[in-house]
Amino acid sequence: MSQDNIQDSNTQDNNVDTNIEITPEMQAFYQRADAIIGVANSQLGPEAHSGQVGASLLYAAARYSASVASIGFVKGDDFAKEKDDIVEFYVKQYRQMLSDNLTDYAQNFDKYVQINQDDKSAE
């Protein structure tokens, strides 16, 4: 990635139709995501660039998702039998979220690049 800081959803337009009401549940979803992005950004520095932090974030998401997916299973063997379906579910979700965010970033590229430049200047 070329930028050092990833913008949170409060900064981005998120490709949200202005006719769609943002429910409290949706707002809480975006606030949790923003908090996690804030933690990731706080890890950036001389010892870790955005690619390294991004890799750690993906790994953390995978670990957390595996834990969440295991809820409700009593036996590891039963959980293991569902592995392919679980992976398919999470990959589908990630693919859609990544695609949506790439589209948003492309549509707002100049604005987001300027925000990143402003953040670097403030440091």
C-alpha atoms as a PDB file:
ATOM      1  CA  MET A   1       0.000   0.000   0.000  1.00  0.00           C
ATOM      2  CA  SER A   2       1.231   3.442  -0.760  1.00  0.00           C
ATOM      3  CA  GLN A   3      -0.345   5.248   2.165  1.00  0.00           C
ATOM      4  CA  ASP A   4       0.929   5.028   5.717  1.00  0.00           C
ATOM      5  CA  ASN A   5      -2.329   5.667   7.539  1.00  0.00           C
ATOM      6  CA  ILE A   6      -5.604   4.057   6.596  1.00  0.00           C
ATOM      7  CA  GLN A   7      -8.535   6.387   7.010  1.00  0.00           C
ATOM      8  CA  ASP A   8     -11.414   5.374   9.226  1.00  0.00           C
ATOM      9  CA  SER A   9     -14.985   5.244   7.996  1.00  0.00           C
ATOM     10  CA  ASN A  10     -15.847   8.548   9.655  1.00  0.00           C
ATOM     11  CA  THR A  11     -13.385  10.213   7.284  1.00  0.00           C
ATOM     12  CA  GLN A  12     -14.489   8.289   4.205  1.00  0.00           C
ATOM     13  CA  ASP A  13     -17.773   8.575   2.342  1.00  0.00           C
ATOM     14  CA  ASN A  14     -18.139   4.766   2.429  1.00  0.00           C
ATOM     15  CA  ASN A  15     -20.150   4.801  -0.765  1.00  0.00           C
ATOM     16  CA  VAL A  16     -23.293   5.049   1.366  1.00  0.00           C
ATOM     17  CA  ASP A  17     -26.467   6.139  -0.376  1.00  0.00           C
ATOM     18  CA  THR A  18     -27.615   9.311   1.342  1.00  0.00           C
ATOM     19  CA  ASN A  19     -31.164   7.920   1.372  1.00  0.00           C
ATOM     20  CA  ILE A  20     -30.116   5.031   3.614  1.00  0.00           C
ATOM     21  CA  GLU A  21     -30.621   5.652   7.297  1.00  0.00           C
ATOM     22  CA  ILE A  22     -27.580   4.776   9.391  1.00  0.00           C
ATOM     23  CA  THR A  23     -29.021   2.721  12.214  1.00  0.00           C
ATOM     24  CA  PRO A  24     -27.450   2.639  15.671  1.00  0.00           C
ATOM     25  CA  GLU A  25     -26.273  -0.910  14.884  1.00  0.00           C
ATOM     26  CA  MET A  26     -24.565   0.270  11.686  1.00  0.00           C
ATOM     27  CA  GLN A  27     -22.990   3.202  13.510  1.00  0.00           C
ATOM     28  CA  ALA A  28     -21.674   0.836  16.211  1.00  0.00           C
ATOM     29  CA  PHE A  29     -20.271  -1.449  13.471  1.00  0.00           C
ATOM     30  CA  TYR A  30     -18.345   1.433  11.888  1.00  0.00           C
ATOM     31  CA  GLN A  31     -17.156   2.714  15.270  1.00  0.00           C
ATOM     32  CA  ARG A  32     -15.721  -0.722  16.115  1.00  0.00           C
ATOM     33  CA  ALA A  33     -13.984  -0.856  12.728  1.00  0.00           C
ATOM     34  CA  ASP A  34     -12.616   2.664  13.231  1.00  0.00           C
ATOM     35  CA  ALA A  35     -11.260   1.695  16.659  1.00  0.00           C
ATOM     36  CA  ILE A  36      -9.442  -1.302  15.165  1.00  0.00           C
ATOM     37  CA  ILE A  37      -8.060   0.865  12.333  1.00  0.00           C
ATOM     38  CA  GLY A  38      -6.838   3.291  15.007  1.00  0.00           C
ATOM     39  CA  VAL A  39      -4.976   0.484  16.765  1.00  0.00           C
ATOM     40  CA  ALA A  40      -3.446  -0.608  13.448  1.00  0.00           C
ATOM     41  CA  ASN A  41      -2.361   2.952  12.633  1.00  0.00           C
ATOM     42  CA  SER A  42      -0.803   3.287  16.088  1.00  0.00           C
ATOM     43  CA  GLN A  43       1.503   0.367  15.217  1.00  0.00           C
ATOM     44  CA  LEU A  44       3.060   2.239  12.270  1.00  0.00           C
ATOM     45  CA  GLY A  45       6.569   3.527  12.739  1.00  0.00           C
ATOM     46  CA  PRO A  46      10.229   2.841  12.109  1.00  0.00           C
ATOM     47  CA  GLU A  47       9.817  -0.785  13.155  1.00  0.00           C
ATOM     48  CA  ALA A  48       6.678  -1.530  11.089  1.00  0.00           C
ATOM     49  CA  HIS A  49       5.414  -0.160   7.781  1.00  0.00           C
ATOM     50  CA  SER A  50       1.836  -0.357   6.499  1.00  0.00           C
ATOM     51  CA  GLY A  51       2.410  -3.697   4.731  1.00  0.00           C
ATOM     52  CA  GLN A  52       3.676  -5.308   7.924  1.00  0.00           C
ATOM     53  CA  VAL A  53       0.870  -3.852  10.020  1.00  0.00           C
ATOM     54  CA  GLY A  54      -1.670  -4.914   7.379  1.00  0.00           C
ATOM     55  CA  ALA A  55      -0.340  -8.480   7.469  1.00  0.00           C
ATOM     56  CA  SER A  56      -0.655  -8.516  11.261  1.00  0.00           C
ATOM     57  CA  LEU A  57      -4.191  -7.159  10.994  1.00  0.00           C
ATOM     58  CA  LEU A  58      -5.168  -9.890   8.513  1.00  0.00           C
ATOM     59  CA  TYR A  59      -3.661 -12.531  10.775  1.00  0.00           C
ATOM     60  CA  ALA A  60      -5.523 -11.133  13.781  1.00  0.00           C
ATOM     61  CA  ALA A  61      -8.781 -11.118  11.803  1.00  0.00           C
ATOM     62  CA  ALA A  62      -8.216 -14.747  10.824  1.00  0.00           C
ATOM     63  CA  ARG A  63      -7.480 -15.794  14.411  1.00  0.00           C
ATOM     64  CA  TYR A  64     -10.476 -13.926  15.759  1.00  0.00           C
ATOM     65  CA  SER A  65     -12.742 -15.309  13.025  1.00  0.00           C
ATOM     66  CA  ALA A  66     -11.628 -18.873  13.790  1.00  0.00           C
ATOM     67  CA  SER A  67     -12.503 -18.321  17.439  1.00  0.00           C
ATOM     68  CA  VAL A  68     -15.895 -16.808  16.596  1.00  0.00           C
ATOM     69  CA  ALA A  69     -16.649 -19.626  14.146  1.00  0.00           C
ATOM     70  CA  SER A  70     -15.956 -22.228  16.833  1.00  0.00           C
ATOM     71  CA  ILE A  71     -18.731 -20.919  19.083  1.00  0.00           C
ATOM     72  CA  GLY A  72     -21.513 -23.455  19.389  1.00  0.00           C
ATOM     73  CA  PHE A  73     -19.444 -26.492  18.517  1.00  0.00           C
ATOM     74  CA  VAL A  74     -18.938 -29.124  21.194  1.00  0.00           C
ATOM     75  CA  LYS A  75     -16.326 -31.283  19.459  1.00  0.00           C
ATOM     76  CA  GLY A  76     -13.290 -30.302  17.428  1.00  0.00           C
ATOM     77  CA  ASP A  77     -14.076 -33.019  14.883  1.00  0.00           C
ATOM     78  CA  ASP A  78     -17.476 -31.461  14.160  1.00  0.00           C
ATOM     79  CA  PHE A  79     -15.857 -28.041  13.847  1.00  0.00           C
ATOM     80  CA  ALA A  80     -13.215 -29.435  11.470  1.00  0.00           C
ATOM     81  CA  LYS A  81     -15.935 -30.902   9.227  1.00  0.00           C
ATOM     82  CA  GLU A  82     -17.329 -27.389   8.712  1.00  0.00           C
ATOM     83  CA  LYS A  83     -13.956 -25.822   7.882  1.00  0.00           C
ATOM     84  CA  ASP A  84     -14.574 -25.453   4.137  1.00  0.00           C
ATOM     85  CA  ASP A  85     -17.974 -23.825   4.663  1.00  0.00           C
ATOM     86  CA  ILE A  86     -16.563 -21.495   7.313  1.00  0.00           C
ATOM     87  CA  VAL A  87     -13.678 -20.453   5.062  1.00  0.00           C
ATOM     88  CA  GLU A  88     -16.082 -19.909   2.155  1.00  0.00           C
ATOM     89  CA  PHE A  89     -18.314 -17.702   4.328  1.00  0.00           C
ATOM     90  CA  TYR A  90     -15.456 -15.491   5.571  1.00  0.00           C
ATOM     91  CA  VAL A  91     -13.768 -15.257   2.162  1.00  0.00           C
ATOM     92  CA  LYS A  92     -17.057 -14.161   0.579  1.00  0.00           C
ATOM     93  CA  GLN A  93     -17.571 -11.515   3.270  1.00  0.00           C
ATOM     94  CA  TYR A  94     -13.988 -10.244   2.992  1.00  0.00           C
ATOM     95  CA  ARG A  95     -14.085 -10.162  -0.807  1.00  0.00           C
ATOM     96  CA  GLN A  96     -17.233  -8.009  -0.771  1.00  0.00           C
ATOM     97  CA  MET A  97     -15.927  -5.640   1.918  1.00  0.00           C
ATOM     98  CA  LEU A  98     -12.559  -5.292   0.170  1.00  0.00           C
ATOM     99  CA  SER A  99     -14.217  -4.685  -3.197  1.00  0.00           C
ATOM    100  CA  ASP A 100     -16.523  -2.035  -1.715  1.00  0.00           C
ATOM    101  CA  ASN A 101     -13.628  -0.263  -0.006  1.00  0.00           C
ATOM    102  CA  LEU A 102     -11.406  -0.375  -3.104  1.00  0.00           C
ATOM    103  CA  THR A 103     -14.235   1.144  -5.141  1.00  0.00           C
ATOM    104  CA  ASP A 104     -14.736   3.846  -2.515  1.00  0.00           C
ATOM    105  CA  TYR A 105     -11.011   4.570  -2.358  1.00  0.00           C
ATOM    106  CA  ALA A 106     -10.748   4.784  -6.168  1.00  0.00           C
ATOM    107  CA  GLN A 107     -13.739   7.125  -6.357  1.00  0.00           C
ATOM    108  CA  ASN A 108     -12.318   9.367  -3.622  1.00  0.00           C
ATOM    109  CA  PHE A 109      -8.628   8.833  -4.384  1.00  0.00           C
ATOM    110  CA  ASP A 110      -7.568  12.474  -4.611  1.00  0.00           C
ATOM    111  CA  LYS A 111      -9.392  13.309  -1.384  1.00  0.00           C
ATOM    112  CA  TYR A 112      -7.947  10.346   0.542  1.00  0.00           C
ATOM    113  CA  VAL A 113      -4.422  10.887  -0.757  1.00  0.00           C
ATOM    114  CA  GLN A 114      -4.666  14.530   0.343  1.00  0.00           C
ATOM    115  CA  ILE A 115      -5.863  13.434   3.798  1.00  0.00           C
ATOM    116  CA  ASN A 116      -2.862  11.090   4.052  1.00  0.00           C
ATOM    117  CA  GLN A 117      -0.510  13.897   3.008  1.00  0.00           C
ATOM    118  CA  ASP A 118      -2.099  16.208   5.611  1.00  0.00           C
ATOM    119  CA  ASP A 119      -1.579  13.529   8.281  1.00  0.00           C
ATOM    120  CA  LYS A 120       2.114  13.188   7.355  1.00  0.00           C
ATOM    121  CA  SER A 121       2.602  16.970   7.456  1.00  0.00           C
ATOM    122  CA  ALA A 122       1.105  17.151  10.956  1.00  0.00           C
ATOM    123  CA  GLU A 123       3.641  14.656  12.337  1.00  0.00           C
END
